Amino acid sequence: MAAYQQLLAKNLLHKRVAEAVAGLANCTLCPRRCRVNRLAGEKGKCHTGRWALVSGYGPHSGEETPLVGSGGSGTIFFAHCNLRCVFCQNHTISQSGEGTVVSPEQLAGMMLSLQSQGCHNINLVSPSHVVPQFLEALEMAVAGGLTLPLVYNTGGYDSVETLWLLEGVVDIYMPDMKYADEETGYRYSGVGDYPMVNRAAVAEMHRQVGEIVVDDGGMAVSGLLVRHLVLPAGMAGTPSIARFLAWEVSPGTYVNLMAQYHPAYRAWDYPELSRPPSGDEFREVVRKAQEEGLSRLDGLHTPLATRLLHR
């Protein structure tokens, strides 16, 4: 049973929806705290007003192994973002806002369509700025028979207060942990408080759902999965992030060390980001993560990671 079904049975899901939507009137849903009236169509840093924009949806086989299985992860890609990452590989969606405005009914229909196509979960990509909108849709989808686990797939710049609204709603949290350094967060994503906000959010996510739990078929049903993109020249601060996860969250945290960084969008404007990580740099990241005690590392057997590790 997905977590939100229990809230529905207790008549609590609608209360969460109402509270989240009311928050749009003076929006502090993400750490940007723009305080614009999104109910009236005003837009803050996320460039999103009352309604969510969706750039696309469908089964996705390129996600983490415990999410994919035979039917794929049922991804819904929201347009816009509360971060301004200069190297974003999906910048036409996250920065340019490539997408279509959708009603809650339409968004609910997408969720139910993904379930009917045999997907193993509903994977909400970049949802931090549209929590009220997807909660409205979720309530409708559940009434229509939705039962799949809900994945909150985020850049990791999330408000703990908003995450409280999602307790008992989200089954699987999948945040990025991008940077360990404030200056780096400001330089590359426009938010100097990224490390502090990100660590508080990840700790709260773990408090809610714990370590990853899989069923007999190896599919994730609940828990925390952390993504960490390895940047060249150690810019992501991997040792500090690994230490935080192992010592302050859990050494059993599932961590995907992603090797696929390549210069995109505005990365060429930053000389230190104008190349992929080297084999030596990637091997050092893996070594440091293991030294800190992280025992569930993923991403090491992809073709690209394998080439880097043995280069």
Protein backbone atom coordinates (compact mmCIF):
# COMPACT_ATOMS: atom_id res chain seq x y z
CA MET A 1 0.00 0.00 0.00
CA ALA A 2 1.36 3.41 -0.97
CA ALA A 3 1.77 5.84 1.93
CA TYR A 4 -0.86 8.28 0.68
CA GLN A 5 -3.56 5.60 0.75
CA GLN A 6 -3.28 5.51 4.53
CA LEU A 7 -3.72 9.29 4.71
CA LEU A 8 -6.76 9.01 2.47
CA ALA A 9 -8.24 6.33 4.73
CA LYS A 10 -7.81 8.68 7.71
CA ASN A 11 -9.36 11.63 5.80
CA LEU A 12 -6.10 13.55 6.15
CA LEU A 13 -5.00 13.85 2.52
CA HIS A 14 -7.51 16.59 1.70
CA LYS A 15 -6.32 18.61 4.69
CA ARG A 16 -2.73 18.47 3.40
CA VAL A 17 -3.91 19.57 -0.05
CA ALA A 18 -5.82 22.54 1.37
CA GLU A 19 -2.89 23.64 3.51
CA ALA A 20 -0.45 23.45 0.62
CA VAL A 21 -2.69 25.37 -1.79
CA ALA A 22 -3.32 28.09 0.80
CA GLY A 23 0.44 28.55 1.01
CA LEU A 24 0.50 29.76 -2.59
CA ALA A 25 -1.08 33.04 -1.51
CA ASN A 26 2.15 34.14 0.17
CA CYS A 27 4.54 31.62 -1.25
CA THR A 28 7.24 30.29 1.06
CA LEU A 29 6.98 26.72 -0.22
CA CYS A 30 10.64 26.54 -1.17
CA PRO A 31 13.66 28.11 0.54
CA ARG A 32 13.55 31.06 -1.88
CA ARG A 33 10.56 32.35 0.15
CA CYS A 34 9.48 34.80 -2.58
CA ARG A 35 6.18 35.63 -0.81
CA VAL A 36 4.35 36.29 -4.07
CA ASN A 37 0.65 35.53 -4.45
CA ARG A 38 0.73 32.62 -6.85
CA LEU A 39 -3.02 32.10 -6.43
CA ALA A 40 -3.41 35.43 -8.22
CA GLY A 41 -0.95 34.42 -10.92
CA GLU A 42 2.11 36.19 -9.52
CA LYS A 43 5.43 34.46 -10.17
CA GLY A 44 8.62 34.36 -8.13
CA LYS A 45 11.98 32.75 -8.77
CA CYS A 46 10.38 29.54 -10.04
CA HIS A 47 8.46 31.42 -12.77
CA THR A 48 5.38 29.32 -11.97
CA GLY A 49 2.03 30.79 -10.95
CA ARG A 50 -1.14 28.99 -9.91
CA TRP A 51 -0.83 26.00 -12.22
CA ALA A 52 2.00 23.57 -12.89
CA LEU A 53 3.66 23.20 -16.28
CA VAL A 54 4.59 19.75 -17.56
CA SER A 55 7.15 19.24 -20.30
CA GLY A 56 6.42 15.56 -20.78
CA TYR A 57 5.62 12.26 -19.12
CA GLY A 58 6.05 8.56 -19.77
CA PRO A 59 7.80 5.34 -18.71
CA HIS A 60 11.52 5.94 -18.16
CA SER A 61 14.14 3.19 -18.09
CA GLY A 62 17.13 5.43 -17.31
CA GLU A 63 16.47 5.95 -13.62
CA GLU A 64 18.08 4.14 -10.68
CA THR A 65 17.81 0.35 -10.84
CA PRO A 66 15.36 -0.03 -7.91
CA LEU A 67 12.90 2.30 -9.68
CA VAL A 68 12.90 0.88 -13.20
CA GLY A 69 12.19 -2.87 -13.30
CA SER A 70 10.46 -4.19 -16.41
CA GLY A 71 7.84 -1.46 -16.72
CA GLY A 72 9.95 1.64 -16.17
CA SER A 73 9.59 4.53 -13.77
CA GLY A 74 6.52 6.65 -14.49
CA THR A 75 8.15 10.05 -14.85
CA ILE A 76 6.40 13.42 -14.98
CA PHE A 77 8.78 16.26 -15.87
CA PHE A 78 7.74 19.61 -14.42
CA ALA A 79 8.92 22.74 -16.20
CA HIS A 80 10.90 25.45 -14.39
CA CYS A 81 12.95 24.99 -11.22
CA ASN A 82 13.88 26.83 -8.02
CA LEU A 83 17.59 26.48 -8.88
CA ARG A 84 19.66 28.14 -11.61
CA CYS A 85 22.30 25.49 -12.32
CA VAL A 86 24.70 26.76 -14.97
CA PHE A 87 25.45 23.22 -16.18
CA CYS A 88 21.85 21.92 -16.33
CA GLN A 89 21.51 19.30 -19.06
CA ASN A 90 17.74 19.89 -19.15
CA HIS A 91 17.95 23.68 -19.28
CA THR A 92 15.25 24.06 -21.92
CA ILE A 93 12.85 22.59 -19.36
CA SER A 94 14.28 23.91 -16.07
CA GLN A 95 15.34 27.40 -17.18
CA SER A 96 13.39 28.19 -20.37
CA GLY A 97 10.19 26.62 -19.07
CA GLU A 98 9.51 24.36 -22.03
CA GLY A 99 6.18 22.83 -21.13
CA THR A 100 2.40 23.12 -21.07
CA VAL A 101 0.14 24.42 -18.31
CA VAL A 102 -1.91 21.54 -16.88
CA SER A 103 -4.95 21.41 -14.65
CA PRO A 104 -5.10 19.10 -11.61
CA GLU A 105 -7.45 16.86 -13.59
CA GLN A 106 -4.95 16.58 -16.43
CA LEU A 107 -2.08 15.87 -14.06
CA ALA A 108 -4.13 13.20 -12.29
CA GLY A 109 -4.86 11.66 -15.68
CA MET A 110 -1.13 11.46 -16.39
CA MET A 111 -0.56 9.55 -13.15
CA LEU A 112 -3.33 7.09 -13.93
CA SER A 113 -2.09 6.67 -17.50
CA LEU A 114 1.40 5.80 -16.25
CA GLN A 115 -0.09 3.22 -13.90
CA SER A 116 -2.11 1.70 -16.74
CA GLN A 117 1.07 1.45 -18.84
CA GLY A 118 2.64 -0.80 -16.20
CA CYS A 119 5.04 1.64 -14.55
CA HIS A 120 6.31 0.73 -11.10
CA ASN A 121 5.97 4.18 -9.52
CA ILE A 122 5.01 7.80 -10.16
CA ASN A 123 8.25 9.77 -10.44
CA LEU A 124 7.77 13.53 -9.97
CA VAL A 125 10.81 15.27 -11.51
CA SER A 126 11.65 18.76 -10.15
CA PRO A 127 8.53 19.06 -7.96
CA SER A 128 9.82 21.45 -5.26
CA HIS A 129 7.96 24.48 -6.65
CA VAL A 130 4.72 22.64 -7.48
CA VAL A 131 3.98 20.68 -4.31
CA PRO A 132 0.41 22.08 -3.95
CA GLN A 133 -0.33 21.37 -7.60
CA PHE A 134 0.74 17.75 -7.54
CA LEU A 135 -1.02 17.18 -4.21
CA GLU A 136 -4.28 18.43 -5.75
CA ALA A 137 -3.79 16.04 -8.63
CA LEU A 138 -2.78 13.18 -6.36
CA GLU A 139 -6.03 13.41 -4.42
CA MET A 140 -7.95 13.09 -7.68
CA ALA A 141 -5.75 10.26 -8.95
CA VAL A 142 -6.15 8.28 -5.74
CA ALA A 143 -9.92 8.63 -6.04
CA GLY A 144 -9.50 7.26 -9.56
CA GLY A 145 -7.61 4.18 -8.40
CA LEU A 146 -3.95 5.19 -8.16
CA THR A 147 -1.93 2.83 -5.95
CA LEU A 148 1.69 3.22 -7.11
CA PRO A 149 4.48 4.49 -4.81
CA LEU A 150 5.24 8.19 -5.18
CA VAL A 151 8.84 9.29 -5.93
CA TYR A 152 9.88 12.87 -5.07
CA ASN A 153 12.79 13.47 -7.48
CA THR A 154 14.30 16.82 -6.50
CA GLY A 155 17.34 19.04 -6.92
CA GLY A 156 17.58 19.00 -3.15
CA TYR A 157 16.76 22.65 -2.44
CA ASP A 158 13.65 21.95 -0.38
CA SER A 159 12.03 23.54 2.63
CA VAL A 160 11.70 21.30 5.67
CA GLU A 161 8.32 22.88 6.41
CA THR A 162 7.04 21.85 2.99
CA LEU A 163 8.47 18.37 3.45
CA TRP A 164 6.32 18.11 6.58
CA LEU A 165 3.28 18.40 4.29
CA LEU A 166 4.59 15.38 2.38
CA GLU A 167 5.08 13.09 5.37
CA GLY A 168 2.94 10.05 4.78
CA VAL A 169 2.42 11.12 1.15
CA VAL A 170 5.79 10.45 -0.48
CA ASP A 171 7.08 6.88 -0.39
CA ILE A 172 10.51 7.44 -1.96
CA TYR A 173 12.61 10.58 -1.73
CA MET A 174 15.33 11.00 -4.36
CA PRO A 175 17.19 14.29 -3.75
CA ASP A 176 20.37 15.56 -5.30
CA MET A 177 23.21 16.53 -3.04
CA LYS A 178 25.05 18.89 -5.37
CA TYR A 179 27.56 20.84 -3.30
CA ALA A 180 29.24 20.92 0.10
CA ASP A 181 30.37 24.53 -0.16
CA GLU A 182 28.26 27.70 0.03
CA GLU A 183 30.32 29.68 -2.47
CA THR A 184 30.09 26.85 -4.98
CA GLY A 185 26.32 26.64 -4.55
CA TYR A 186 25.98 30.35 -5.19
CA ARG A 187 28.36 30.37 -8.15
CA TYR A 188 26.79 27.43 -9.99
CA SER A 189 23.14 27.36 -8.82
CA GLY A 190 22.44 30.86 -7.50
CA VAL A 191 21.80 29.84 -3.88
CA GLY A 192 24.52 30.37 -1.30
CA ASP A 193 22.68 28.46 1.41
CA TYR A 194 22.40 25.27 -0.66
CA PRO A 195 24.56 23.04 1.61
CA MET A 196 22.70 24.01 4.81
CA VAL A 197 19.24 23.78 3.25
CA ASN A 198 20.07 20.58 1.40
CA ARG A 199 21.41 18.74 4.43
CA ALA A 200 18.44 19.71 6.57
CA ALA A 201 16.09 18.50 3.82
CA VAL A 202 17.89 15.18 3.34
CA ALA A 203 17.90 14.54 7.09
CA GLU A 204 14.15 15.21 7.20
CA MET A 205 13.52 12.94 4.23
CA HIS A 206 15.41 10.14 5.97
CA ARG A 207 13.48 10.74 9.18
CA GLN A 208 10.25 10.24 7.25
CA VAL A 209 11.07 7.21 5.11
CA GLY A 210 14.36 5.69 6.37
CA GLU A 211 16.71 3.60 4.24
CA ILE A 212 15.59 2.18 0.94
CA VAL A 213 13.32 -0.88 1.14
CA VAL A 214 12.79 -3.15 -1.88
CA ASP A 215 10.25 -5.86 -2.57
CA ASP A 216 10.98 -9.44 -3.61
CA GLY A 217 11.46 -8.27 -7.19
CA GLY A 218 14.08 -5.70 -6.24
CA MET A 219 11.76 -2.73 -6.74
CA ALA A 220 11.90 0.16 -4.27
CA VAL A 221 8.74 0.58 -2.22
CA SER A 222 9.97 3.21 0.23
CA GLY A 223 13.06 5.00 1.47
CA LEU A 224 15.74 7.52 0.59
CA LEU A 225 17.92 7.46 -2.55
CA VAL A 226 20.55 10.19 -2.86
CA ARG A 227 22.02 11.34 -6.16
CA HIS A 228 25.45 12.97 -6.27
CA LEU A 229 26.81 14.24 -9.58
CA VAL A 230 30.61 14.07 -9.64
CA LEU A 231 32.01 17.38 -10.92
CA PRO A 232 35.53 17.94 -12.25
CA ALA A 233 38.29 19.18 -9.96
CA GLY A 234 36.39 18.06 -6.85
CA MET A 235 33.98 21.01 -7.11
CA ALA A 236 31.06 19.03 -5.66
CA GLY A 237 32.82 18.45 -2.32
CA THR A 238 32.11 14.73 -2.29
CA PRO A 239 34.12 13.80 0.85
CA SER A 240 32.11 16.24 3.00
CA ILE A 241 28.80 15.04 1.59
CA ALA A 242 29.78 11.39 2.06
CA ARG A 243 30.78 12.11 5.66
CA PHE A 244 27.46 13.81 6.35
CA LEU A 245 25.48 10.92 4.92
CA ALA A 246 27.49 8.22 6.68
CA TRP A 247 27.77 9.92 10.06
CA GLU A 248 24.62 12.04 10.36
CA VAL A 249 22.06 10.19 8.23
CA SER A 250 23.00 6.50 7.86
CA PRO A 251 25.97 4.56 6.44
CA GLY A 252 23.35 2.41 4.72
CA THR A 253 22.02 5.33 2.67
CA TYR A 254 21.63 4.39 -0.99
CA VAL A 255 23.86 6.79 -2.96
CA ASN A 256 24.14 7.00 -6.72
CA LEU A 257 27.54 8.44 -7.65
CA MET A 258 26.81 9.79 -11.11
CA ALA A 259 29.65 9.89 -13.63
CA GLN A 260 27.78 11.51 -16.52
CA TYR A 261 28.72 15.16 -16.04
CA HIS A 262 29.57 16.94 -19.26
CA PRO A 263 29.55 20.66 -20.06
CA ALA A 264 26.09 21.89 -21.00
CA TYR A 265 24.08 25.11 -21.03
CA ARG A 266 26.38 27.85 -19.61
CA ALA A 267 29.12 25.57 -18.23
CA TRP A 268 31.52 26.74 -20.92
CA ASP A 269 31.54 30.14 -19.19
CA TYR A 270 33.27 28.49 -16.22
CA PRO A 271 36.69 27.07 -17.14
CA GLU A 272 36.67 24.63 -14.22
CA LEU A 273 33.40 23.11 -15.51
CA SER A 274 34.41 22.92 -19.16
CA ARG A 275 35.39 19.24 -19.04
CA PRO A 276 34.09 15.95 -17.60
CA PRO A 277 35.74 14.49 -14.48
CA SER A 278 38.85 12.44 -15.15
CA GLY A 279 39.30 8.79 -14.28
CA ASP A 280 41.57 9.74 -11.38
CA GLU A 281 38.97 12.19 -10.04
CA PHE A 282 36.15 9.66 -10.23
CA ARG A 283 38.21 6.91 -8.59
CA GLU A 284 39.12 9.32 -5.77
CA VAL A 285 35.43 10.15 -5.22
CA VAL A 286 34.55 6.46 -4.93
CA ARG A 287 37.46 5.84 -2.57
CA LYS A 288 36.48 8.75 -0.31
CA ALA A 289 32.83 7.66 -0.19
CA GLN A 290 33.86 4.15 0.80
CA GLU A 291 36.35 5.43 3.36
CA GLU A 292 33.62 7.47 5.04
CA GLY A 293 31.61 4.27 5.48
CA LEU A 294 28.91 4.45 2.80
CA SER A 295 28.04 0.85 2.03
CA ARG A 296 25.34 1.15 -0.66
CA LEU A 297 26.95 2.90 -3.62
CA ASP A 298 25.27 2.69 -7.01
CA GLY A 299 26.29 4.02 -10.40
CA LEU A 300 29.67 2.28 -10.42
CA HIS A 301 28.74 -0.28 -13.06
CA THR A 302 27.38 1.98 -15.77
CA PRO A 303 29.45 1.90 -18.98
CA LEU A 304 30.73 5.43 -18.37
CA ALA A 305 31.64 4.83 -14.71
CA THR A 306 33.35 1.56 -15.63
CA ARG A 307 35.48 3.36 -18.22
CA LEU A 308 36.44 6.06 -15.71
CA LEU A 309 37.29 3.56 -12.98
CA HIS A 310 39.57 1.59 -15.27
CA ARG A 311 41.03 4.43 -17.31
